[in-house]
C-alpha atoms as a PDB file:
ATOM      1  CA  MET A   1     227.025 121.494 111.610  1.00  0.00           C
ATOM      2  CA  ALA A   2     223.819 120.224 110.008  1.00  0.00           C
ATOM      3  CA  SER A   3     220.573 121.471 111.499  1.00  0.00           C
ATOM      4  CA  GLY A   4     217.443 119.445 112.149  1.00  0.00           C
ATOM      5  CA  PRO A   5     216.966 115.832 113.236  1.00  0.00           C
ATOM      6  CA  MET A   6     219.634 113.207 112.637  1.00  0.00           C
ATOM      7  CA  ILE A   7     218.815 110.614 109.993  1.00  0.00           C
ATOM      8  CA  VAL A   8     219.788 107.059 110.887  1.00  0.00           C
ATOM      9  CA  SER A   9     219.473 103.819 108.971  1.00  0.00           C
ATOM     10  CA  THR A  10     220.456 100.192 109.227  1.00  0.00           C
ATOM     11  CA  GLY A  11     220.586  97.185 106.932  1.00  0.00           C
ATOM     12  CA  GLU A  12     222.855  95.473 104.465  1.00  0.00           C
ATOM     13  CA  LEU A  13     226.238  96.858 103.496  1.00  0.00           C
ATOM     14  CA  LEU A  14     227.622  95.239 100.365  1.00  0.00           C
ATOM     15  CA  VAL A  15     229.620  95.836  97.229  1.00  0.00           C
ATOM     16  CA  GLU A  16     228.230  95.360  93.750  1.00  0.00           C
ATOM     17  CA  PHE A  17     229.645  94.143  90.451  1.00  0.00           C
ATOM     18  CA  VAL A  18     227.950  95.344  87.277  1.00  0.00           C
ATOM     19  CA  SER A  19     227.968  93.482  83.961  1.00  0.00           C
ATOM     20  CA  HIS A  20     228.850  95.590  80.930  1.00  0.00           C
ATOM     21  CA  ARG A  21     227.098  93.169  78.565  1.00  0.00           C
ATOM     22  CA  LYS A  22     223.337  93.544  78.280  1.00  0.00           C
ATOM     23  CA  GLY A  23     221.377  90.346  77.992  1.00  0.00           C
ATOM     24  CA  CYS A  24     223.964  88.018  79.515  1.00  0.00           C
ATOM     25  CA  GLY A  25     221.576  87.325  82.386  1.00  0.00           C
ATOM     26  CA  LEU A  26     224.511  86.498  84.674  1.00  0.00           C
ATOM     27  CA  GLU A  27     224.622  83.196  82.772  1.00  0.00           C
ATOM     28  CA  ARG A  28     227.335  83.938  80.236  1.00  0.00           C
ATOM     29  CA  ILE A  29     230.853  85.349  80.465  1.00  0.00           C
ATOM     30  CA  SER A  30     230.919  89.130  80.516  1.00  0.00           C
ATOM     31  CA  GLU A  31     233.144  91.989  81.555  1.00  0.00           C
ATOM     32  CA  PHE A  32     232.252  93.400  84.978  1.00  0.00           C
ATOM     33  CA  SER A  33     233.268  96.491  86.880  1.00  0.00           C
ATOM     34  CA  GLY A  34     233.302  96.898  90.644  1.00  0.00           C
ATOM     35  CA  PRO A  35     233.465  96.591  93.561  1.00  0.00           C
ATOM     36  CA  TYR A  36     231.010  99.485  93.849  1.00  0.00           C
ATOM     37  CA  PRO A  37     229.844 100.497  97.356  1.00  0.00           C
ATOM     38  CA  SER A  38     226.190  99.496  97.634  1.00  0.00           C
ATOM     39  CA  GLY A  39     223.285  98.313  99.749  1.00  0.00           C
ATOM     40  CA  ALA A  40     220.016 100.237  99.412  1.00  0.00           C
ATOM     41  CA  PRO A  41     220.058 101.817 102.905  1.00  0.00           C
ATOM     42  CA  ALA A  42     223.743 102.699 102.485  1.00  0.00           C
ATOM     43  CA  ILE A  43     223.121 104.471  99.176  1.00  0.00           C
ATOM     44  CA  PHE A  44     220.289 106.374 100.840  1.00  0.00           C
ATOM     45  CA  ILE A  45     222.309 107.474 103.871  1.00  0.00           C
ATOM     46  CA  ASP A  46     225.288 108.489 101.737  1.00  0.00           C
ATOM     47  CA  GLN A  47     223.112 110.751  99.589  1.00  0.00           C
ATOM     48  CA  ALA A  48     221.380 112.271 102.618  1.00  0.00           C
ATOM     49  CA  ALA A  49     224.827 113.102 104.013  1.00  0.00           C
ATOM     50  CA  ARG A  50     225.851 114.662 100.699  1.00  0.00           C
ATOM     51  CA  MET A  51     222.822 116.945 101.008  1.00  0.00           C
ATOM     52  CA  GLY A  52     224.209 118.240 104.305  1.00  0.00           C
ATOM     53  CA  ALA A  53     222.035 116.266 106.731  1.00  0.00           C
ATOM     54  CA  ALA A  54     223.381 114.757 109.939  1.00  0.00           C
ATOM     55  CA  THR A  55     223.488 110.996 109.357  1.00  0.00           C
ATOM     56  CA  ALA A  56     224.525 107.750 111.032  1.00  0.00           C
ATOM     57  CA  PHE A  57     224.458 104.093 109.989  1.00  0.00           C
ATOM     58  CA  PHE A  58     224.371 100.753 111.809  1.00  0.00           C
ATOM     59  CA  GLY A  59     225.745  97.792 109.891  1.00  0.00           C
ATOM     60  CA  THR A  60     228.616  95.348 109.536  1.00  0.00           C
ATOM     61  CA  VAL A  61     231.368  94.764 106.967  1.00  0.00           C
ATOM     62  CA  GLY A  62     234.069  92.167 106.720  1.00  0.00           C
ATOM     63  CA  ASN A  63     237.698  92.866 107.518  1.00  0.00           C
ATOM     64  CA  ASP A  64     238.600  92.916 103.826  1.00  0.00           C
ATOM     65  CA  GLY A  65     239.148  95.299 100.937  1.00  0.00           C
ATOM     66  CA  PHE A  66     235.438  95.427 100.105  1.00  0.00           C
ATOM     67  CA  GLY A  67     234.573  96.458 103.651  1.00  0.00           C
ATOM     68  CA  ARG A  68     237.347  99.035 103.877  1.00  0.00           C
ATOM     69  CA  GLY A  69     236.217 100.599 100.603  1.00  0.00           C
ATOM     70  CA  LEU A  70     232.644 100.853 101.848  1.00  0.00           C
ATOM     71  CA  LEU A  71     233.665 102.459 105.123  1.00  0.00           C
ATOM     72  CA  LYS A  72     235.952 104.922 103.400  1.00  0.00           C
ATOM     73  CA  ARG A  73     233.234 106.077 101.011  1.00  0.00           C
ATOM     74  CA  LEU A  74     230.670 106.645 103.756  1.00  0.00           C
ATOM     75  CA  GLU A  75     233.164 108.446 105.986  1.00  0.00           C
ATOM     76  CA  GLU A  76     234.362 110.689 103.154  1.00  0.00           C
ATOM     77  CA  ASP A  77     230.775 111.706 102.405  1.00  0.00           C
ATOM     78  CA  GLY A  78     230.075 112.632 106.025  1.00  0.00           C
ATOM     79  CA  VAL A  79     228.202 109.625 107.445  1.00  0.00           C
ATOM     80  CA  ASP A  80     228.820 108.782 111.119  1.00  0.00           C
ATOM     81  CA  THR A  81     230.144 105.214 110.811  1.00  0.00           C
ATOM     82  CA  SER A  82     230.732 104.580 114.527  1.00  0.00           C
ATOM     83  CA  GLY A  83     227.786 102.138 114.430  1.00  0.00           C
ATOM     84  CA  ILE A  84     229.399 100.036 111.677  1.00  0.00           C
ATOM     85  CA  LEU A  85     231.243  96.987 112.981  1.00  0.00           C
ATOM     86  CA  VAL A  86     234.113  95.164 111.280  1.00  0.00           C
ATOM     87  CA  ASP A  87     233.684  91.369 111.487  1.00  0.00           C
ATOM     88  CA  ASP A  88     236.949  89.443 111.328  1.00  0.00           C
ATOM     89  CA  ALA A  89     235.134  86.125 110.872  1.00  0.00           C
ATOM     90  CA  ARG A  90     232.951  86.980 107.864  1.00  0.00           C
ATOM     91  CA  VAL A  91     233.406  88.514 104.439  1.00  0.00           C
ATOM     92  CA  THR A  92     231.609  91.606 103.166  1.00  0.00           C
ATOM     93  CA  GLY A  93     228.358  90.931 101.310  1.00  0.00           C
ATOM     94  CA  THR A  94     228.299  91.116  97.511  1.00  0.00           C
ATOM     95  CA  ALA A  95     225.818  91.427  94.664  1.00  0.00           C
ATOM     96  CA  PHE A  96     226.020  90.977  90.902  1.00  0.00           C
ATOM     97  CA  VAL A  97     223.679  92.700  88.456  1.00  0.00           C
ATOM     98  CA  SER A  98     223.070  92.440  84.723  1.00  0.00           C
ATOM     99  CA  TYR A  99     220.707  94.378  82.488  1.00  0.00           C
ATOM    100  CA  PHE A 100     218.559  93.434  79.524  1.00  0.00           C
ATOM    101  CA  GLU A 101     217.819  95.526  76.447  1.00  0.00           C
ATOM    102  CA  ASP A 102     214.343  96.458  77.765  1.00  0.00           C
ATOM    103  CA  GLY A 103     215.874  97.975  80.899  1.00  0.00           C
ATOM    104  CA  SER A 104     214.944  95.109  83.234  1.00  0.00           C
ATOM    105  CA  ARG A 105     217.670  93.529  85.338  1.00  0.00           C
ATOM    106  CA  THR A 106     218.608  90.425  87.242  1.00  0.00           C
ATOM    107  CA  PHE A 107     220.524  90.197  90.527  1.00  0.00           C
ATOM    108  CA  ILE A 108     222.441  87.538  92.420  1.00  0.00           C
ATOM    109  CA  PHE A 109     222.956  88.472  96.074  1.00  0.00           C
ATOM    110  CA  HIS A 110     225.499  86.871  98.405  1.00  0.00           C
ATOM    111  CA  LEU A 111     224.316  87.941 101.856  1.00  0.00           C
ATOM    112  CA  LYS A 112     223.707  84.738 103.809  1.00  0.00           C
ATOM    113  CA  ASP A 113     226.484  84.040 106.316  1.00  0.00           C
ATOM    114  CA  THR A 114     228.316  87.246 105.332  1.00  0.00           C
ATOM    115  CA  ALA A 115     228.956  90.281 107.500  1.00  0.00           C
ATOM    116  CA  ALA A 116     225.991  92.031 105.829  1.00  0.00           C
ATOM    117  CA  GLU A 117     223.417  90.171 107.926  1.00  0.00           C
ATOM    118  CA  GLU A 118     225.317  90.354 111.232  1.00  0.00           C
ATOM    119  CA  VAL A 119     224.087  93.779 112.350  1.00  0.00           C
ATOM    120  CA  THR A 120     224.206  94.631 116.041  1.00  0.00           C
ATOM    121  CA  PHE A 121     221.726  97.181 117.391  1.00  0.00           C
ATOM    122  CA  SER A 122     220.351  98.262 120.746  1.00  0.00           C
ATOM    123  CA  PRO A 123     218.104 101.232 121.579  1.00  0.00           C
ATOM    124  CA  GLU A 124     220.915 102.607 123.742  1.00  0.00           C
ATOM    125  CA  SER A 125     223.162 102.869 120.682  1.00  0.00           C
ATOM    126  CA  LEU A 126     220.899 105.437 119.020  1.00  0.00           C
ATOM    127  CA  PRO A 127     222.243 109.008 118.930  1.00  0.00           C
ATOM    128  CA  GLU A 128     220.755 111.594 121.264  1.00  0.00           C
ATOM    129  CA  GLY A 129     218.249 114.127 119.999  1.00  0.00           C
ATOM    130  CA  GLU A 130     215.495 114.069 117.388  1.00  0.00           C
ATOM    131  CA  LEU A 131     215.709 111.180 114.930  1.00  0.00           C
ATOM    132  CA  ILE A 132     214.396 110.052 111.573  1.00  0.00           C
ATOM    133  CA  LEU A 133     214.903 106.340 110.875  1.00  0.00           C
ATOM    134  CA  HIS A 134     214.927 105.337 107.232  1.00  0.00           C
ATOM    135  CA  VAL A 135     213.904 101.809 106.245  1.00  0.00           C
ATOM    136  CA  SER A 136     214.624 100.281 102.863  1.00  0.00           C
ATOM    137  CA  ALA A 137     212.256  97.340 102.494  1.00  0.00           C
ATOM    138  CA  ALA A 138     214.803  95.374 100.467  1.00  0.00           C
ATOM    139  CA  SER A 139     216.537  94.711 103.797  1.00  0.00           C
ATOM    140  CA  LEU A 140     213.434  93.064 105.261  1.00  0.00           C
ATOM    141  CA  GLY A 141     213.910  89.933 103.165  1.00  0.00           C
ATOM    142  CA  VAL A 142     216.897  88.941 105.320  1.00  0.00           C
ATOM    143  CA  ALA A 143     215.552  87.455 108.574  1.00  0.00           C
ATOM    144  CA  LYS A 144     218.369  88.733 110.807  1.00  0.00           C
ATOM    145  CA  LEU A 145     218.157  92.240 109.369  1.00  0.00           C
ATOM    146  CA  ARG A 146     214.366  92.225 109.642  1.00  0.00           C
ATOM    147  CA  THR A 147     214.592  91.643 113.405  1.00  0.00           C
ATOM    148  CA  VAL A 148     217.075  94.493 113.836  1.00  0.00           C
ATOM    149  CA  ILE A 149     215.035  96.894 111.706  1.00  0.00           C
ATOM    150  CA  LEU A 150     211.789  96.204 113.558  1.00  0.00           C
ATOM    151  CA  GLU A 151     213.587  96.770 116.883  1.00  0.00           C
ATOM    152  CA  ALA A 152     214.986 100.053 115.564  1.00  0.00           C
ATOM    153  CA  VAL A 153     211.552 101.196 114.353  1.00  0.00           C
ATOM    154  CA  ASP A 154     210.051 100.545 117.790  1.00  0.00           C
ATOM    155  CA  ALA A 155     212.944 102.296 119.549  1.00  0.00           C
ATOM    156  CA  VAL A 156     212.791 105.423 117.380  1.00  0.00           C
ATOM    157  CA  LEU A 157     209.011 105.713 117.623  1.00  0.00           C
ATOM    158  CA  ASP A 158     209.182 105.230 121.407  1.00  0.00           C
ATOM    159  CA  ARG A 159     211.487 108.253 121.498  1.00  0.00           C
ATOM    160  CA  GLY A 160     209.071 110.353 119.473  1.00  0.00           C
ATOM    161  CA  GLY A 161     211.037 110.051 116.244  1.00  0.00           C
ATOM    162  CA  ARG A 162     209.763 109.535 112.715  1.00  0.00           C
ATOM    163  CA  ILE A 163     210.075 106.763 110.136  1.00  0.00           C
ATOM    164  CA  SER A 164     210.707 107.192 106.422  1.00  0.00           C
ATOM    165  CA  CYS A 165     210.277 104.141 104.220  1.00  0.00           C
ATOM    166  CA  ASP A 166     211.149 103.153 100.687  1.00  0.00           C
ATOM    167  CA  PRO A 167     208.959 100.064 100.061  1.00  0.00           C
ATOM    168  CA  ASN A 168     211.535  98.941  97.451  1.00  0.00           C
ATOM    169  CA  ALA A 169     209.784  95.565  97.106  1.00  0.00           C
ATOM    170  CA  ARG A 170     212.599  93.690  95.374  1.00  0.00           C
ATOM    171  CA  PRO A 171     211.401  90.131  94.624  1.00  0.00           C
ATOM    172  CA  GLU A 172     214.931  88.686  94.832  1.00  0.00           C
ATOM    173  CA  LEU A 173     215.024  89.631  98.519  1.00  0.00           C
ATOM    174  CA  MET A 174     211.384  89.480  99.649  1.00  0.00           C
ATOM    175  CA  ARG A 175     210.260  85.894  99.248  1.00  0.00           C
ATOM    176  CA  ASP A 176     208.406  85.122 102.476  1.00  0.00           C
ATOM    177  CA  ASP A 177     205.286  86.233 104.338  1.00  0.00           C
ATOM    178  CA  ALA A 178     207.306  87.502 107.307  1.00  0.00           C
ATOM    179  CA  ALA A 179     208.999  90.097 105.086  1.00  0.00           C
ATOM    180  CA  ARG A 180     205.685  91.291 103.713  1.00  0.00           C
ATOM    181  CA  GLN A 181     204.099  91.485 107.170  1.00  0.00           C
ATOM    182  CA  ALA A 182     207.064  93.493 108.451  1.00  0.00           C
ATOM    183  CA  LEU A 183     206.802  95.868 105.502  1.00  0.00           C
ATOM    184  CA  GLU A 184     203.076  96.392 106.024  1.00  0.00           C
ATOM    185  CA  SER A 185     203.675  97.144 109.716  1.00  0.00           C
ATOM    186  CA  ILE A 186     206.355  99.718 108.874  1.00  0.00           C
ATOM    187  CA  VAL A 187     204.307 101.314 106.078  1.00  0.00           C
ATOM    188  CA  ASP A 188     201.420 101.802 108.526  1.00  0.00           C
ATOM    189  CA  ARG A 189     203.741 103.648 110.953  1.00  0.00           C
ATOM    190  CA  SER A 190     205.743 105.791 108.514  1.00  0.00           C
ATOM    191  CA  TRP A 191     205.712 109.576 108.337  1.00  0.00           C
ATOM    192  CA  CYS A 192     207.152 109.643 104.798  1.00  0.00           C
ATOM    193  CA  LEU A 193     206.534 106.906 102.212  1.00  0.00           C
ATOM    194  CA  MET A 194     208.438 106.855  98.915  1.00  0.00           C
ATOM    195  CA  PRO A 195     207.160 103.978  96.769  1.00  0.00           C
ATOM    196  CA  SER A 196     207.843 103.501  93.107  1.00  0.00           C
ATOM    197  CA  THR A 197     204.719 103.036  91.006  1.00  0.00           C
ATOM    198  CA  SER A 198     205.616  99.338  90.697  1.00  0.00           C
ATOM    199  CA  ASP A 199     205.633  99.041  94.516  1.00  0.00           C
ATOM    200  CA  LEU A 200     201.970 100.065  94.633  1.00  0.00           C
ATOM    201  CA  GLY A 201     200.859  96.851  92.948  1.00  0.00           C
ATOM    202  CA  PHE A 202     202.819  94.799  95.479  1.00  0.00           C
ATOM    203  CA  LEU A 203     201.522  96.741  98.471  1.00  0.00           C
ATOM    204  CA  PHE A 204     197.941  97.283  97.357  1.00  0.00           C
ATOM    205  CA  PRO A 205     196.925  94.655  94.792  1.00  0.00           C
ATOM    206  CA  GLY A 206     193.761  95.566  92.951  1.00  0.00           C
ATOM    207  CA  LEU A 207     193.835  99.269  93.855  1.00  0.00           C
ATOM    208  CA  ASP A 208     194.516 102.036  91.360  1.00  0.00           C
ATOM    209  CA  GLU A 209     197.069 104.750  92.133  1.00  0.00           C
ATOM    210  CA  ALA A 210     194.622 107.218  93.679  1.00  0.00           C
ATOM    211  CA  ALA A 211     193.140 104.566  95.960  1.00  0.00           C
ATOM    212  CA  ALA A 212     196.594 103.340  96.987  1.00  0.00           C
ATOM    213  CA  VAL A 213     197.662 106.883  97.899  1.00  0.00           C
ATOM    214  CA  GLU A 214     194.490 107.391  99.900  1.00  0.00           C
ATOM    215  CA  ARG A 215     195.146 104.133 101.750  1.00  0.00           C
ATOM    216  CA  MET A 216     198.650 105.296 102.698  1.00  0.00           C
ATOM    217  CA  LEU A 217     197.454 108.720 103.811  1.00  0.00           C
ATOM    218  CA  SER A 218     194.714 107.156 105.946  1.00  0.00           C
ATOM    219  CA  ALA A 219     197.399 105.590 108.158  1.00  0.00           C
ATOM    220  CA  LYS A 220     200.228 107.732 109.574  1.00  0.00           C
ATOM    221  CA  ALA A 221     201.889 109.021 106.414  1.00  0.00           C
ATOM    222  CA  GLU A 222     202.082 112.789 106.018  1.00  0.00           C
ATOM    223  CA  ILE A 223     204.165 112.739 102.826  1.00  0.00           C
ATOM    224  CA  ILE A 224     203.825 110.408  99.841  1.00  0.00           C
ATOM    225  CA  ALA A 225     206.483 110.528  97.130  1.00  0.00           C
ATOM    226  CA  LEU A 226     205.692 108.487  94.027  1.00  0.00           C
ATOM    227  CA  LYS A 227     208.812 107.634  92.022  1.00  0.00           C
ATOM    228  CA  ARG A 228     207.853 107.279  88.361  1.00  0.00           C
ATOM    229  CA  GLY A 229     211.277 106.426  86.936  1.00  0.00           C
ATOM    230  CA  SER A 230     211.681 107.931  83.478  1.00  0.00           C
ATOM    231  CA  GLU A 231     208.351 109.739  83.915  1.00  0.00           C
ATOM    232  CA  GLY A 232     209.410 111.930  86.845  1.00  0.00           C
ATOM    233  CA  ALA A 233     207.868 112.004  90.319  1.00  0.00           C
ATOM    234  CA  THR A 234     204.843 113.173  92.310  1.00  0.00           C
ATOM    235  CA  LEU A 235     204.733 114.458  95.902  1.00  0.00           C
ATOM    236  CA  ILE A 236     201.511 114.578  97.906  1.00  0.00           C
ATOM    237  CA  SER A 237     201.095 116.055 101.392  1.00  0.00           C
ATOM    238  CA  GLN A 238     198.242 117.657 103.321  1.00  0.00           C
ATOM    239  CA  GLY A 239     196.251 118.668 100.264  1.00  0.00           C
ATOM    240  CA  GLN A 240     199.342 119.703  98.277  1.00  0.00           C
ATOM    241  CA  ARG A 241     200.377 117.904  95.099  1.00  0.00           C
ATOM    242  CA  TYR A 242     203.520 118.546  93.074  1.00  0.00           C
ATOM    243  CA  ASP A 243     204.162 116.770  89.772  1.00  0.00           C
ATOM    244  CA  PHE A 244     207.768 116.898  88.586  1.00  0.00           C
ATOM    245  CA  PRO A 245     208.446 116.158  84.918  1.00  0.00           C
ATOM    246  CA  PRO A 246     211.317 113.879  83.923  1.00  0.00           C
ATOM    247  CA  HIS A 247     214.791 115.089  83.028  1.00  0.00           C
ATOM    248  CA  HIS A 248     215.833 113.680  79.685  1.00  0.00           C
ATOM    249  CA  VAL A 249     219.179 111.999  80.292  1.00  0.00           C
ATOM    250  CA  GLU A 250     221.002 109.012  78.845  1.00  0.00           C
ATOM    251  CA  GLU A 251     220.434 106.019  81.107  1.00  0.00           C
ATOM    252  CA  LEU A 252     223.452 103.855  81.853  1.00  0.00           C
ATOM    253  CA  ASP A 253     222.692 102.182  85.194  1.00  0.00           C
ATOM    254  CA  PRO A 254     219.419 102.789  87.096  1.00  0.00           C
ATOM    255  CA  THR A 255     220.347 100.767  90.193  1.00  0.00           C
ATOM    256  CA  GLY A 256     220.369 103.038  93.236  1.00  0.00           C
ATOM    257  CA  ALA A 257     218.486 105.903  91.564  1.00  0.00           C
ATOM    258  CA  GLY A 258     215.473 105.434  93.828  1.00  0.00           C
ATOM    259  CA  ASP A 259     217.695 105.369  96.913  1.00  0.00           C
ATOM    260  CA  GLY A 260     219.387 108.585  95.765  1.00  0.00           C
ATOM    261  CA  PHE A 261     215.988 110.199  95.247  1.00  0.00           C
ATOM    262  CA  CYS A 262     214.904 109.192  98.762  1.00  0.00           C
ATOM    263  CA  GLY A 263     218.176 110.289 100.354  1.00  0.00           C
ATOM    264  CA  THR A 264     217.898 113.700  98.739  1.00  0.00           C
ATOM    265  CA  LEU A 265     214.257 114.185  99.708  1.00  0.00           C
ATOM    266  CA  VAL A 266     214.554 113.112 103.352  1.00  0.00           C
ATOM    267  CA  GLY A 267     217.961 114.763 103.744  1.00  0.00           C
ATOM    268  CA  LEU A 268     216.556 118.115 102.651  1.00  0.00           C
ATOM    269  CA  LEU A 269     213.262 117.814 104.528  1.00  0.00           C
ATOM    270  CA  ALA A 270     215.237 117.092 107.705  1.00  0.00           C
ATOM    271  CA  GLN A 271     216.959 120.453 107.253  1.00  0.00           C
ATOM    272  CA  GLY A 272     213.695 122.352 106.845  1.00  0.00           C
ATOM    273  CA  ILE A 273     213.704 122.703 103.053  1.00  0.00           C
ATOM    274  CA  PRO A 274     210.111 123.169 101.768  1.00  0.00           C
ATOM    275  CA  LEU A 275     208.466 120.092 100.249  1.00  0.00           C
ATOM    276  CA  GLU A 276     208.250 121.412  96.685  1.00  0.00           C
ATOM    277  CA  GLU A 277     211.918 122.394  96.557  1.00  0.00           C
ATOM    278  CA  ALA A 278     213.034 119.149  98.203  1.00  0.00           C
ATOM    279  CA  GLY A 279     210.989 117.183  95.681  1.00  0.00           C
ATOM    280  CA  ARG A 280     212.329 119.144  92.737  1.00  0.00           C
ATOM    281  CA  ARG A 281     215.894 118.450  93.813  1.00  0.00           C
ATOM    282  CA  ALA A 282     215.185 114.785  94.583  1.00  0.00           C
ATOM    283  CA  ASN A 283     213.746 114.351  91.096  1.00  0.00           C
ATOM    284  CA  ALA A 284     216.946 115.824  89.635  1.00  0.00           C
ATOM    285  CA  ALA A 285     219.129 113.597  91.839  1.00  0.00           C
ATOM    286  CA  GLY A 286     217.304 110.517  90.572  1.00  0.00           C
ATOM    287  CA  ALA A 287     217.955 111.578  86.978  1.00  0.00           C
ATOM    288  CA  ILE A 288     221.662 112.146  87.619  1.00  0.00           C
ATOM    289  CA  ALA A 289     221.943 108.716  89.244  1.00  0.00           C
ATOM    290  CA  VAL A 290     220.953 106.727  86.143  1.00  0.00           C
ATOM    291  CA  THR A 291     223.743 108.312  84.060  1.00  0.00           C
ATOM    292  CA  ARG A 292     226.568 106.655  86.027  1.00  0.00           C
ATOM    293  CA  ARG A 293     227.601 103.029  86.348  1.00  0.00           C
ATOM    294  CA  GLY A 294     227.603 101.755  89.927  1.00  0.00           C
ATOM    295  CA  PRO A 295     224.812 102.256  92.493  1.00  0.00           C
ATOM    296  CA  MET A 296     226.485 104.671  94.906  1.00  0.00           C
ATOM    297  CA  GLU A 297     228.445 106.288  92.063  1.00  0.00           C
ATOM    298  CA  GLY A 298     225.130 107.820  91.008  1.00  0.00           C
ATOM    299  CA  ASN A 299     224.886 109.894  94.184  1.00  0.00           C
ATOM    300  CA  SER A 300     225.297 113.602  93.566  1.00  0.00           C
ATOM    301  CA  SER A 301     226.306 116.845  95.237  1.00  0.00           C
ATOM    302  CA  PRO A 302     224.151 119.972  95.652  1.00  0.00           C
ATOM    303  CA  ALA A 303     226.257 121.653  92.951  1.00  0.00           C
ATOM    304  CA  GLU A 304     225.604 118.840  90.473  1.00  0.00           C
ATOM    305  CA  ILE A 305     221.880 119.044  91.163  1.00  0.00           C
ATOM    306  CA  ASP A 306     221.997 122.824  90.664  1.00  0.00           C
ATOM    307  CA  ALA A 307     223.720 122.339  87.313  1.00  0.00           C
ATOM    308  CA  LEU A 308     221.062 119.923  86.033  1.00  0.00           C
ATOM    309  CA  LEU A 309     218.219 122.152  87.191  1.00  0.00           C
ATOM    310  CA  ASP A 310     219.832 125.227  85.601  1.00  0.00           C
ATOM    311  CA  ARG A 311     220.300 123.335  82.330  1.00  0.00           C
ATOM    312  CA  ALA A 312     216.679 122.171  82.366  1.00  0.00           C
ATOM    313  CA  LEU A 313     215.494 125.747  82.975  1.00  0.00           C
ATOM    314  CA  ALA A 314     217.617 127.042  80.098  1.00  0.00           C
ATOM    315  CA  GLU A 315     216.204 124.390  77.759  1.00  0.00           C
ATOM    316  CA  ALA A 316     212.581 124.987  78.796  1.00  0.00           C
END
């Protein structure tokens, strides 16, 4: 049985279809593969479970093949899915993604009126014991999910738990002031913040990186993890700073890599792994993730992370 606090999360559960043709912009006919299990908080919780942490998720899927595939994947990887409801009246949420030659991407999400936004939560449904609630800010753009997430944050903090947050400020999903205000409230109350460098400009316009980090640390955050994509990662906590260089891998599909990084980091920290080692392994997990097509397909096992780290050491 996993030791340490249980990690819980809530938000959208969906499946994703990925275009194999770069530059089609979801405007022209292309070959796609899928349905891949997805949803930023689901990718996170799956990876945390793979790291050996105790995990649980609150969400909803439709009573269809997409939903059954999602549930099966999470259950097989060790996530407690008793908080996931099956909605007979709605279909499972979907997303489509296409990439451009410069590495940028475009999404079309189908979440409105699907099972993805019909999440049921009450403080009484939370597991007993010490908790860490993870919030993926992409979920805050959906009004119904935003309400549930804010209720969960309050409930976990009232019980003395902690909040981890991936600001994940995805413009396709965060188009209104209410989403931004919710994100700012959660950032101010988080124990662990894991922004990408691009998130800093959204959260703290006009501030450079050092000033943005200082702003986050002046609130409640004890750990700041800066995801630098192909340039590695940086962890900062209580006067400690660890800079992790990139792993040179062939990028196929970067979607979900940040969620895998976060799931690895929080999953290991919850089990008492020291910050430097947790960060080193999270950096490797993020690199593995971009080499595989499909967001949750990029999640990795401890053995796969060991193999990449051993290879990097041998090549150093």
